[in-house]
Structure formats: structure tokens, C-alpha cells
Amino acid sequence: MRHSDQKYIEALVTNDRILLEEIYRKFAGKIKGMVLKNNGTETDAADIFQEALVSIYRKARDQNFELLCPFEAFLYLICKNLWLKELSKRKLLPVQFDEDGMDLGDDSVKLAEECMVQEQRMQLLHEKVAELGDSCQQLLRLSWEGKSMEEVAQILGMTYGYARKKKAGCMEKLITLVKQAPQFSFLKW
């Protein structure tokens, strides 16, 4: 179910200055504290915060992203992951992340993590669908749009029986591609 903090996602897409200022006012200081506690500078914190907002903006603009958890928890996890990548590049691990000062709550963090995993799953699925042939892509998309197999067969100029058989083959190939992806085991399928 869509979270009430979706307003922040929409503010990024529509460039709503009032809500953008609220995002900076409410969340930038907390991200700054996290980065400073983990071998970073104020400049690093500003860069990470900005990079996270741009990332969220791109997701929302390109994929009609719906927030299913508190924005603060989602933003924190994105910033944390970006900062961990940066620290890894700089070879400055290990670090300690103290989520206590964030007022996130265990449920919010868990929900945000689940939201990010779901987003990564969808990204993997989209990548693997793109690797299928055009006819498989078209057949699967039509069926996922809620069209009956009779409608799909008619649109694609196939018999009903062939469309069902083709869909089963396409799904089998898609499942194989997804399972062969290196990130498959990390996405808790």
C-alpha cells in the first residue's frame, strides 16, 4: 500500500520547492551525522545526500515508483548503501552505523529494506525480460497487463493452444535467466 510519504517522491519529480526544502530540513542533518560518524566529511555527506535524491528522482520519473515505507527510512538506506560503496572504494571499512539517532523504528527499517529488495527484484526481472526475444516480450507483457490468453492469441495472430505453449516456454526461459543472474541469491527469492 502506498505510503503517505509519497508526497516527497512526487515533490522530487515535480520540483515542489516547499517540500524539497522540507526534505533537506528534515533529513539532510541526519544523513550528515551518519556520514560524519563513519569516516566522512560534510562535503561527503552533502554529495551522498544529493546522489540519493537524484537516484530516487530517476526511479520515480522513469518507473512511476511508489513508496511503500517511510521516506526517511528509504532515504537512509540508499545513503547508507552509497556511503558503504564509497568507503569500500576508499578502503576505509569497517564502519558503524547507528540507526538509533534516526528515529526510524525497527518496522520502518525492515519495510524500507523490503522495499529496496523488491525494487532490485523488479529491476532484475526487467533486465531479463529484455534479454528474451521480441515475441516472448510481447506475449508476456500482454498477459501481465491482464489480457486473457484468448485476447493475447488474437492480438499476436496465434492459436490459443500455441499462445499458451509459447507463454509457458517464455516463462521457463525467463525463470532460468533470473536464476542464473549473480544477484539472484542476494535478493531473497
N, C-alpha and C. Protein backbone atom coordinates (compact mmCIF):
# COMPACT_ATOMS: atom_id res chain seq x y z
N MET A 1 0.84 -1.19 0.00
CA MET A 1 0.00 0.00 0.00
C MET A 1 0.88 1.25 0.00
N ARG A 2 0.52 2.19 -0.78
CA ARG A 2 1.26 3.44 -0.93
C ARG A 2 1.38 4.17 0.41
N HIS A 3 2.58 4.63 0.71
CA HIS A 3 2.84 5.31 1.97
C HIS A 3 2.50 6.80 1.85
N SER A 4 2.10 7.39 2.95
CA SER A 4 1.75 8.82 2.93
C SER A 4 2.94 9.71 2.59
N ASP A 5 4.17 9.21 2.77
CA ASP A 5 5.36 9.98 2.42
C ASP A 5 5.60 10.02 0.91
N GLN A 6 4.70 9.45 0.12
CA GLN A 6 4.80 9.52 -1.33
C GLN A 6 4.90 10.97 -1.79
N LYS A 7 4.40 11.88 -0.96
CA LYS A 7 4.45 13.31 -1.30
C LYS A 7 5.87 13.76 -1.55
N TYR A 8 6.85 13.16 -0.87
CA TYR A 8 8.25 13.53 -1.07
C TYR A 8 8.76 13.04 -2.42
N ILE A 9 8.31 11.86 -2.82
CA ILE A 9 8.68 11.33 -4.13
C ILE A 9 8.11 12.24 -5.21
N GLU A 10 6.86 12.60 -5.07
CA GLU A 10 6.21 13.48 -6.05
C GLU A 10 6.85 14.86 -6.07
N ALA A 11 7.30 15.33 -4.90
CA ALA A 11 7.98 16.64 -4.83
C ALA A 11 9.27 16.62 -5.63
N LEU A 12 9.99 15.51 -5.59
CA LEU A 12 11.23 15.40 -6.36
C LEU A 12 10.93 15.47 -7.86
N VAL A 13 9.88 14.78 -8.29
CA VAL A 13 9.53 14.73 -9.71
C VAL A 13 9.00 16.08 -10.20
N THR A 14 8.18 16.72 -9.39
CA THR A 14 7.54 17.98 -9.81
C THR A 14 8.33 19.23 -9.41
N ASN A 15 9.45 19.02 -8.72
CA ASN A 15 10.30 20.12 -8.26
C ASN A 15 9.52 21.09 -7.36
N ASP A 16 8.77 20.52 -6.43
CA ASP A 16 7.98 21.29 -5.46
C ASP A 16 8.94 21.89 -4.42
N ARG A 17 9.22 23.15 -4.56
CA ARG A 17 10.24 23.81 -3.73
C ARG A 17 9.95 23.71 -2.23
N ILE A 18 8.70 23.84 -1.86
CA ILE A 18 8.35 23.81 -0.43
C ILE A 18 8.67 22.44 0.17
N LEU A 19 8.24 21.37 -0.51
CA LEU A 19 8.51 20.03 0.00
C LEU A 19 9.99 19.66 -0.15
N LEU A 20 10.65 20.16 -1.18
CA LEU A 20 12.09 19.90 -1.32
C LEU A 20 12.86 20.53 -0.16
N GLU A 21 12.47 21.74 0.20
CA GLU A 21 13.10 22.39 1.36
C GLU A 21 12.83 21.58 2.63
N GLU A 22 11.63 21.03 2.73
CA GLU A 22 11.29 20.20 3.89
C GLU A 22 12.15 18.93 3.92
N ILE A 23 12.39 18.33 2.77
CA ILE A 23 13.25 17.15 2.71
C ILE A 23 14.64 17.49 3.25
N TYR A 24 15.20 18.59 2.78
CA TYR A 24 16.54 18.99 3.24
C TYR A 24 16.52 19.31 4.74
N ARG A 25 15.50 20.04 5.17
CA ARG A 25 15.41 20.45 6.57
C ARG A 25 15.26 19.24 7.50
N LYS A 26 14.41 18.28 7.12
CA LYS A 26 14.12 17.14 7.99
C LYS A 26 15.17 16.05 7.94
N PHE A 27 15.81 15.82 6.78
CA PHE A 27 16.61 14.62 6.62
C PHE A 27 18.11 14.83 6.38
N ALA A 28 18.50 15.98 5.84
CA ALA A 28 19.91 16.19 5.49
C ALA A 28 20.82 16.11 6.72
N GLY A 29 20.39 16.67 7.83
CA GLY A 29 21.21 16.65 9.05
C GLY A 29 21.46 15.25 9.57
N LYS A 30 20.46 14.41 9.46
CA LYS A 30 20.59 13.03 9.93
C LYS A 30 21.56 12.24 9.06
N ILE A 31 21.49 12.47 7.76
CA ILE A 31 22.41 11.79 6.85
C ILE A 31 23.82 12.33 7.08
N LYS A 32 23.94 13.62 7.31
CA LYS A 32 25.24 14.22 7.60
C LYS A 32 25.85 13.57 8.84
N GLY A 33 25.05 13.39 9.88
CA GLY A 33 25.54 12.75 11.10
C GLY A 33 26.02 11.33 10.85
N MET A 34 25.28 10.58 10.04
CA MET A 34 25.66 9.21 9.72
C MET A 34 27.00 9.18 8.99
N VAL A 35 27.18 10.06 8.02
CA VAL A 35 28.42 10.09 7.24
C VAL A 35 29.60 10.54 8.10
N LEU A 36 29.38 11.58 8.91
CA LEU A 36 30.46 12.09 9.77
C LEU A 36 30.93 11.04 10.77
N LYS A 37 30.00 10.23 11.29
CA LYS A 37 30.35 9.17 12.25
C LYS A 37 31.10 8.02 11.59
N ASN A 38 31.10 8.00 10.26
CA ASN A 38 31.70 6.89 9.54
C ASN A 38 32.74 7.36 8.53
N ASN A 39 33.73 8.09 9.05
CA ASN A 39 34.91 8.50 8.28
C ASN A 39 34.64 9.47 7.14
N GLY A 40 33.56 10.23 7.22
CA GLY A 40 33.24 11.15 6.14
C GLY A 40 33.35 12.60 6.57
N THR A 41 33.23 13.48 5.59
CA THR A 41 33.26 14.92 5.82
C THR A 41 31.88 15.50 5.51
N GLU A 42 31.73 16.77 5.81
CA GLU A 42 30.47 17.44 5.48
C GLU A 42 30.24 17.44 3.97
N THR A 43 31.30 17.62 3.21
CA THR A 43 31.19 17.58 1.75
C THR A 43 30.74 16.21 1.28
N ASP A 44 31.32 15.15 1.87
CA ASP A 44 30.91 13.79 1.54
C ASP A 44 29.42 13.60 1.81
N ALA A 45 28.98 14.09 2.96
CA ALA A 45 27.58 13.93 3.35
C ALA A 45 26.66 14.65 2.36
N ALA A 46 27.02 15.86 1.97
CA ALA A 46 26.21 16.61 1.01
C ALA A 46 26.16 15.88 -0.33
N ASP A 47 27.30 15.34 -0.76
CA ASP A 47 27.35 14.61 -2.02
C ASP A 47 26.48 13.35 -1.98
N ILE A 48 26.57 12.60 -0.89
CA ILE A 48 25.79 11.37 -0.74
C ILE A 48 24.30 11.69 -0.70
N PHE A 49 23.94 12.71 0.04
CA PHE A 49 22.53 13.11 0.14
C PHE A 49 21.99 13.48 -1.23
N GLN A 50 22.76 14.30 -1.96
CA GLN A 50 22.33 14.74 -3.29
C GLN A 50 22.25 13.56 -4.25
N GLU A 51 23.22 12.66 -4.21
CA GLU A 51 23.23 11.49 -5.08
C GLU A 51 22.02 10.60 -4.80
N ALA A 52 21.66 10.45 -3.54
CA ALA A 52 20.49 9.64 -3.17
C ALA A 52 19.21 10.26 -3.71
N LEU A 53 19.07 11.58 -3.58
CA LEU A 53 17.87 12.26 -4.08
C LEU A 53 17.77 12.14 -5.60
N VAL A 54 18.89 12.27 -6.28
CA VAL A 54 18.89 12.12 -7.74
C VAL A 54 18.48 10.70 -8.12
N SER A 55 18.99 9.73 -7.39
CA SER A 55 18.65 8.32 -7.64
C SER A 55 17.15 8.09 -7.46
N ILE A 56 16.59 8.61 -6.38
CA ILE A 56 15.15 8.46 -6.13
C ILE A 56 14.36 9.18 -7.22
N TYR A 57 14.80 10.38 -7.59
CA TYR A 57 14.14 11.13 -8.66
C TYR A 57 14.09 10.32 -9.95
N ARG A 58 15.21 9.72 -10.32
CA ARG A 58 15.27 8.95 -11.57
C ARG A 58 14.34 7.74 -11.53
N LYS A 59 14.32 7.06 -10.38
CA LYS A 59 13.41 5.91 -10.23
C LYS A 59 11.97 6.36 -10.40
N ALA A 60 11.62 7.44 -9.74
CA ALA A 60 10.24 7.93 -9.76
C ALA A 60 9.85 8.42 -11.16
N ARG A 61 10.75 9.10 -11.81
CA ARG A 61 10.47 9.65 -13.14
C ARG A 61 10.34 8.53 -14.17
N ASP A 62 11.22 7.56 -14.11
CA ASP A 62 11.28 6.52 -15.14
C ASP A 62 10.36 5.34 -14.87
N GLN A 63 10.00 5.09 -13.61
CA GLN A 63 9.30 3.86 -13.28
C GLN A 63 8.01 4.05 -12.50
N ASN A 64 7.52 5.27 -12.38
CA ASN A 64 6.33 5.52 -11.56
C ASN A 64 6.46 4.86 -10.19
N PHE A 65 7.56 5.10 -9.54
CA PHE A 65 7.89 4.47 -8.26
C PHE A 65 6.89 4.87 -7.18
N GLU A 66 6.40 3.87 -6.45
CA GLU A 66 5.51 4.13 -5.32
C GLU A 66 6.21 3.74 -4.04
N LEU A 67 6.25 4.65 -3.10
CA LEU A 67 6.89 4.43 -1.81
C LEU A 67 5.99 3.58 -0.92
N LEU A 68 6.53 2.50 -0.40
CA LEU A 68 5.76 1.60 0.45
C LEU A 68 6.22 1.63 1.90
N CYS A 69 7.12 2.55 2.22
CA CYS A 69 7.68 2.66 3.56
C CYS A 69 7.93 4.14 3.85
N PRO A 70 8.30 4.48 5.08
CA PRO A 70 8.60 5.88 5.37
C PRO A 70 9.76 6.40 4.51
N PHE A 71 9.64 7.61 4.01
CA PHE A 71 10.67 8.20 3.16
C PHE A 71 12.00 8.27 3.89
N GLU A 72 11.98 8.61 5.16
CA GLU A 72 13.21 8.73 5.93
C GLU A 72 13.99 7.42 5.95
N ALA A 73 13.31 6.32 6.18
CA ALA A 73 13.98 5.01 6.22
C ALA A 73 14.52 4.64 4.84
N PHE A 74 13.73 4.90 3.80
CA PHE A 74 14.15 4.60 2.44
C PHE A 74 15.38 5.43 2.05
N LEU A 75 15.33 6.73 2.33
CA LEU A 75 16.44 7.63 2.03
C LEU A 75 17.69 7.21 2.81
N TYR A 76 17.52 6.87 4.08
CA TYR A 76 18.65 6.47 4.90
C TYR A 76 19.34 5.23 4.33
N LEU A 77 18.55 4.24 3.92
CA LEU A 77 19.15 3.02 3.37
C LEU A 77 19.88 3.28 2.07
N ILE A 78 19.33 4.14 1.24
CA ILE A 78 20.02 4.49 -0.01
C ILE A 78 21.33 5.20 0.30
N CYS A 79 21.29 6.18 1.20
CA CYS A 79 22.50 6.90 1.58
C CYS A 79 23.52 5.97 2.22
N LYS A 80 23.06 5.09 3.07
CA LYS A 80 23.95 4.13 3.73
C LYS A 80 24.65 3.25 2.68
N ASN A 81 23.89 2.74 1.72
CA ASN A 81 24.48 1.90 0.68
C ASN A 81 25.46 2.69 -0.18
N LEU A 82 25.11 3.92 -0.54
CA LEU A 82 26.02 4.75 -1.33
C LEU A 82 27.30 5.03 -0.55
N TRP A 83 27.16 5.31 0.74
CA TRP A 83 28.33 5.62 1.55
C TRP A 83 29.20 4.37 1.75
N LEU A 84 28.58 3.22 1.93
CA LEU A 84 29.36 1.98 2.04
C LEU A 84 30.16 1.72 0.76
N LYS A 85 29.55 1.96 -0.39
CA LYS A 85 30.27 1.79 -1.66
C LYS A 85 31.46 2.74 -1.73
N GLU A 86 31.24 3.98 -1.31
CA GLU A 86 32.32 4.97 -1.34
C GLU A 86 33.44 4.59 -0.37
N LEU A 87 33.07 4.15 0.82
CA LEU A 87 34.08 3.73 1.79
C LEU A 87 34.86 2.52 1.29
N SER A 88 34.17 1.64 0.62
CA SER A 88 34.83 0.47 0.06
C SER A 88 35.86 0.89 -0.99
N LYS A 89 35.50 1.86 -1.84
CA LYS A 89 36.44 2.38 -2.84
C LYS A 89 37.66 3.00 -2.16
N ARG A 90 37.41 3.68 -1.06
CA ARG A 90 38.49 4.36 -0.32
C ARG A 90 39.23 3.41 0.62
N LYS A 91 38.71 2.19 0.73
CA LYS A 91 39.27 1.17 1.63
C LYS A 91 39.29 1.64 3.09
N LEU A 92 38.15 2.21 3.51
CA LEU A 92 38.01 2.73 4.88
C LEU A 92 37.02 1.93 5.72
N LEU A 93 36.87 0.65 5.44
CA LEU A 93 35.98 -0.19 6.24
C LEU A 93 36.77 -0.76 7.39
N PRO A 94 36.22 -1.17 8.49
CA PRO A 94 34.81 -1.24 8.85
C PRO A 94 34.29 0.08 9.42
N VAL A 95 32.98 0.16 9.46
CA VAL A 95 32.30 1.34 10.00
C VAL A 95 31.17 0.88 10.89
N GLN A 96 30.59 1.83 11.61
CA GLN A 96 29.45 1.53 12.47
C GLN A 96 28.32 2.47 12.13
N PHE A 97 27.18 1.89 11.82
CA PHE A 97 26.02 2.71 11.53
C PHE A 97 25.09 2.64 12.73
N ASP A 98 24.78 3.81 13.23
CA ASP A 98 23.93 3.92 14.41
C ASP A 98 22.58 4.47 13.96
N GLU A 99 21.62 3.56 13.78
CA GLU A 99 20.30 3.98 13.33
C GLU A 99 19.45 4.54 14.48
N ASP A 100 19.95 4.44 15.71
CA ASP A 100 19.16 4.92 16.85
C ASP A 100 18.82 6.40 16.73
N GLY A 101 19.76 7.20 16.24
CA GLY A 101 19.53 8.63 16.14
C GLY A 101 18.60 9.02 15.00
N MET A 102 18.18 8.05 14.22
CA MET A 102 17.35 8.35 13.06
C MET A 102 15.87 8.32 13.36
N ASP A 103 15.46 7.79 14.49
CA ASP A 103 14.03 7.68 14.80
C ASP A 103 13.30 6.87 13.74
N LEU A 104 13.92 5.80 13.28
CA LEU A 104 13.33 5.02 12.20
C LEU A 104 12.37 3.95 12.70
N GLY A 105 12.71 3.31 13.79
CA GLY A 105 11.90 2.21 14.27
C GLY A 105 12.21 0.95 13.49
N ASP A 106 12.20 -0.19 14.15
CA ASP A 106 12.54 -1.45 13.52
C ASP A 106 11.64 -1.77 12.33
N ASP A 107 10.35 -1.51 12.48
CA ASP A 107 9.41 -1.81 11.40
C ASP A 107 9.70 -0.97 10.17
N SER A 108 10.02 0.30 10.36
CA SER A 108 10.31 1.18 9.23
C SER A 108 11.55 0.74 8.48
N VAL A 109 12.59 0.38 9.21
CA VAL A 109 13.83 -0.07 8.57
C VAL A 109 13.57 -1.37 7.82
N LYS A 110 12.87 -2.29 8.44
CA LYS A 110 12.57 -3.57 7.78
C LYS A 110 11.74 -3.34 6.52
N LEU A 111 10.75 -2.48 6.61
CA LEU A 111 9.90 -2.17 5.46
C LEU A 111 10.71 -1.51 4.35
N ALA A 112 11.61 -0.60 4.71
CA ALA A 112 12.45 0.06 3.71
C ALA A 112 13.38 -0.95 3.04
N GLU A 113 13.94 -1.86 3.82
CA GLU A 113 14.80 -2.88 3.25
C GLU A 113 14.03 -3.78 2.29
N GLU A 114 12.83 -4.17 2.70
CA GLU A 114 11.98 -4.99 1.83
C GLU A 114 11.63 -4.24 0.55
N CYS A 115 11.37 -2.95 0.69
CA CYS A 115 11.05 -2.11 -0.46
C CYS A 115 12.22 -2.06 -1.44
N MET A 116 13.43 -1.92 -0.92
CA MET A 116 14.61 -1.87 -1.77
C MET A 116 14.86 -3.22 -2.44
N VAL A 117 14.66 -4.30 -1.71
CA VAL A 117 14.84 -5.64 -2.30
C VAL A 117 13.81 -5.84 -3.41
N GLN A 118 12.57 -5.44 -3.16
CA GLN A 118 11.54 -5.57 -4.18
C GLN A 118 11.90 -4.75 -5.42
N GLU A 119 12.42 -3.56 -5.22
CA GLU A 119 12.84 -2.72 -6.34
C GLU A 119 13.96 -3.39 -7.13
N GLN A 120 14.92 -4.00 -6.44
CA GLN A 120 16.02 -4.70 -7.11
C GLN A 120 15.50 -5.93 -7.85
N ARG A 121 14.53 -6.61 -7.27
CA ARG A 121 13.93 -7.77 -7.96
C ARG A 121 13.27 -7.33 -9.26
N MET A 122 12.51 -6.25 -9.21
CA MET A 122 11.83 -5.75 -10.40
C MET A 122 12.84 -5.33 -11.46
N GLN A 123 13.92 -4.71 -11.04
CA GLN A 123 14.96 -4.30 -11.98
C GLN A 123 15.58 -5.52 -12.66
N LEU A 124 15.86 -6.56 -11.88
CA LEU A 124 16.41 -7.80 -12.44
C LEU A 124 15.42 -8.41 -13.43
N LEU A 125 14.16 -8.44 -13.05
CA LEU A 125 13.14 -9.01 -13.92
C LEU A 125 13.06 -8.25 -15.24
N HIS A 126 13.06 -6.91 -15.17
CA HIS A 126 13.02 -6.10 -16.39
C HIS A 126 14.24 -6.36 -17.27
N GLU A 127 15.41 -6.49 -16.65
CA GLU A 127 16.64 -6.77 -17.41
C GLU A 127 16.53 -8.10 -18.13
N LYS A 128 16.01 -9.10 -17.44
CA LYS A 128 15.94 -10.44 -18.04
C LYS A 128 14.84 -10.54 -19.09
N VAL A 129 13.74 -9.83 -18.90
CA VAL A 129 12.70 -9.80 -19.93
C VAL A 129 13.28 -9.19 -21.21
N ALA A 130 14.12 -8.16 -21.05
CA ALA A 130 14.74 -7.51 -22.21
C ALA A 130 15.67 -8.46 -22.98
N GLU A 131 16.15 -9.52 -22.32
CA GLU A 131 17.02 -10.49 -22.97
C GLU A 131 16.23 -11.52 -23.78
N LEU A 132 14.94 -11.59 -23.57
CA LEU A 132 14.10 -12.52 -24.32
C LEU A 132 13.86 -11.98 -25.73
N GLY A 133 13.44 -12.84 -26.62
CA GLY A 133 13.09 -12.41 -27.97
C GLY A 133 11.88 -11.50 -27.96
N ASP A 134 11.69 -10.79 -29.04
CA ASP A 134 10.57 -9.84 -29.14
C ASP A 134 9.21 -10.51 -28.94
N SER A 135 9.04 -11.70 -29.53
CA SER A 135 7.73 -12.36 -29.42
C SER A 135 7.44 -12.76 -27.97
N CYS A 136 8.46 -13.23 -27.26
CA CYS A 136 8.27 -13.57 -25.83
C CYS A 136 7.96 -12.31 -25.02
N GLN A 137 8.70 -11.25 -25.27
CA GLN A 137 8.47 -10.00 -24.55
C GLN A 137 7.04 -9.52 -24.75
N GLN A 138 6.60 -9.53 -25.99
CA GLN A 138 5.26 -9.05 -26.31
C GLN A 138 4.19 -9.93 -25.67
N LEU A 139 4.37 -11.24 -25.77
CA LEU A 139 3.40 -12.17 -25.20
C LEU A 139 3.31 -12.01 -23.69
N LEU A 140 4.45 -11.95 -23.02
CA LEU A 140 4.44 -11.81 -21.56
C LEU A 140 3.85 -10.47 -21.12
N ARG A 141 4.23 -9.41 -21.80
CA ARG A 141 3.70 -8.09 -21.42
C ARG A 141 2.18 -8.04 -21.57
N LEU A 142 1.68 -8.58 -22.66
CA LEU A 142 0.22 -8.58 -22.86
C LEU A 142 -0.47 -9.39 -21.76
N SER A 143 0.08 -10.55 -21.42
CA SER A 143 -0.57 -11.35 -20.38
C SER A 143 -0.44 -10.69 -19.01
N TRP A 144 0.67 -10.02 -18.76
CA TRP A 144 0.84 -9.33 -17.47
C TRP A 144 -0.03 -8.09 -17.37
N GLU A 145 -0.47 -7.57 -18.50
CA GLU A 145 -1.39 -6.43 -18.48
C GLU A 145 -2.81 -6.85 -18.13
N GLY A 146 -3.00 -8.17 -17.95
CA GLY A 146 -4.31 -8.66 -17.55
C GLY A 146 -5.16 -9.17 -18.69
N LYS A 147 -4.60 -9.22 -19.88
CA LYS A 147 -5.37 -9.74 -21.00
C LYS A 147 -5.47 -11.26 -20.88
N SER A 148 -6.61 -11.80 -21.29
CA SER A 148 -6.79 -13.25 -21.27
C SER A 148 -5.92 -13.86 -22.36
N MET A 149 -5.64 -15.15 -22.25
CA MET A 149 -4.82 -15.82 -23.26
C MET A 149 -5.53 -15.82 -24.61
N GLU A 150 -6.87 -15.83 -24.60
CA GLU A 150 -7.60 -15.73 -25.86
C GLU A 150 -7.30 -14.39 -26.54
N GLU A 151 -7.34 -13.31 -25.74
CA GLU A 151 -7.05 -11.97 -26.29
C GLU A 151 -5.60 -11.89 -26.78
N VAL A 152 -4.67 -12.42 -25.98
CA VAL A 152 -3.25 -12.40 -26.36
C VAL A 152 -3.06 -13.15 -27.68
N ALA A 153 -3.65 -14.33 -27.78
CA ALA A 153 -3.52 -15.12 -29.00
C ALA A 153 -4.07 -14.35 -30.20
N GLN A 154 -5.21 -13.72 -30.03
CA GLN A 154 -5.83 -12.97 -31.13
C GLN A 154 -4.94 -11.79 -31.53
N ILE A 155 -4.44 -11.04 -30.57
CA ILE A 155 -3.59 -9.87 -30.85
C ILE A 155 -2.32 -10.30 -31.60
N LEU A 156 -1.74 -11.42 -31.18
CA LEU A 156 -0.48 -11.88 -31.77
C LEU A 156 -0.68 -12.77 -33.00
N GLY A 157 -1.93 -13.04 -33.34
CA GLY A 157 -2.21 -13.86 -34.51
C GLY A 157 -1.81 -15.31 -34.33
N MET A 158 -2.04 -15.83 -33.14
CA MET A 158 -1.70 -17.23 -32.82
C MET A 158 -2.97 -17.97 -32.44
N THR A 159 -2.87 -19.29 -32.45
CA THR A 159 -3.97 -20.06 -31.89
C THR A 159 -3.87 -19.99 -30.37
N TYR A 160 -4.97 -20.23 -29.71
CA TYR A 160 -4.99 -20.21 -28.25
C TYR A 160 -4.00 -21.23 -27.68
N GLY A 161 -4.00 -22.45 -28.22
CA GLY A 161 -3.11 -23.50 -27.73
C GLY A 161 -1.65 -23.14 -27.91
N TYR A 162 -1.31 -22.58 -29.06
CA TYR A 162 0.08 -22.20 -29.31
C TYR A 162 0.50 -21.06 -28.38
N ALA A 163 -0.39 -20.10 -28.15
CA ALA A 163 -0.08 -18.97 -27.26
C ALA A 163 0.21 -19.47 -25.85
N ARG A 164 -0.58 -20.42 -25.38
CA ARG A 164 -0.35 -20.99 -24.03
C ARG A 164 0.99 -21.70 -23.97
N LYS A 165 1.26 -22.50 -24.99
CA LYS A 165 2.52 -23.24 -25.03
C LYS A 165 3.71 -22.28 -25.12
N LYS A 166 3.59 -21.27 -25.94
CA LYS A 166 4.65 -20.26 -26.10
C LYS A 166 4.88 -19.52 -24.79
N LYS A 167 3.78 -19.17 -24.10
CA LYS A 167 3.92 -18.45 -22.82
C LYS A 167 4.65 -19.32 -21.81
N ALA A 168 4.32 -20.59 -21.74
CA ALA A 168 5.00 -21.49 -20.81
C ALA A 168 6.48 -21.57 -21.12
N GLY A 169 6.82 -21.64 -22.40
CA GLY A 169 8.23 -21.67 -22.80
C GLY A 169 8.95 -20.38 -22.47
N CYS A 170 8.28 -19.26 -22.70
CA CYS A 170 8.87 -17.95 -22.39
C CYS A 170 9.10 -17.80 -20.89
N MET A 171 8.12 -18.22 -20.09
CA MET A 171 8.25 -18.14 -18.64
C MET A 171 9.40 -19.03 -18.15
N GLU A 172 9.51 -20.21 -18.72
CA GLU A 172 10.58 -21.12 -18.34
C GLU A 172 11.95 -20.49 -18.64
N LYS A 173 12.07 -19.89 -19.81
CA LYS A 173 13.34 -19.23 -20.18
C LYS A 173 13.61 -18.05 -19.27
N LEU A 174 12.58 -17.26 -18.95
CA LEU A 174 12.74 -16.10 -18.07
C LEU A 174 13.19 -16.55 -16.68
N ILE A 175 12.57 -17.58 -16.15
CA ILE A 175 12.93 -18.09 -14.83
C ILE A 175 14.39 -18.56 -14.83
N THR A 176 14.80 -19.23 -15.87
CA THR A 176 16.19 -19.69 -15.98
C THR A 176 17.14 -18.50 -16.00
N LEU A 177 16.83 -17.47 -16.79
CA LEU A 177 17.68 -16.28 -16.86
C LEU A 177 17.79 -15.59 -15.50
N VAL A 178 16.67 -15.46 -14.81
CA VAL A 178 16.67 -14.81 -13.49
C VAL A 178 17.50 -15.62 -12.50
N LYS A 179 17.32 -16.93 -12.49
CA LYS A 179 18.06 -17.78 -11.54
C LYS A 179 19.55 -17.81 -11.83
N GLN A 180 19.95 -17.60 -13.08
CA GLN A 180 21.36 -17.60 -13.44
C GLN A 180 22.05 -16.27 -13.12
N ALA A 181 21.28 -15.24 -12.85
CA ALA A 181 21.86 -13.92 -12.56
C ALA A 181 22.63 -13.96 -11.24
N PRO A 182 23.80 -13.34 -11.20
CA PRO A 182 24.61 -13.36 -9.98
C PRO A 182 23.89 -12.79 -8.75
N GLN A 183 23.02 -11.80 -8.95
CA GLN A 183 22.34 -11.18 -7.82
C GLN A 183 21.13 -11.96 -7.33
N PHE A 184 20.76 -13.03 -8.04
CA PHE A 184 19.57 -13.80 -7.67
C PHE A 184 19.61 -14.26 -6.22
N SER A 185 20.71 -14.83 -5.78
CA SER A 185 20.78 -15.38 -4.42
C SER A 185 20.74 -14.30 -3.35
N PHE A 186 21.11 -13.08 -3.71
CA PHE A 186 21.12 -12.00 -2.72
C PHE A 186 19.76 -11.33 -2.55
N LEU A 187 18.83 -11.62 -3.44
CA LEU A 187 17.55 -10.92 -3.42
C LEU A 187 16.46 -11.69 -2.67
N LYS A 188 16.83 -12.70 -1.91
CA LYS A 188 15.91 -13.42 -1.01
C LYS A 188 14.65 -13.91 -1.73
N TRP A 189 14.78 -14.55 -2.86
CA TRP A 189 13.63 -15.01 -3.63
C TRP A 189 13.01 -16.15 -2.95
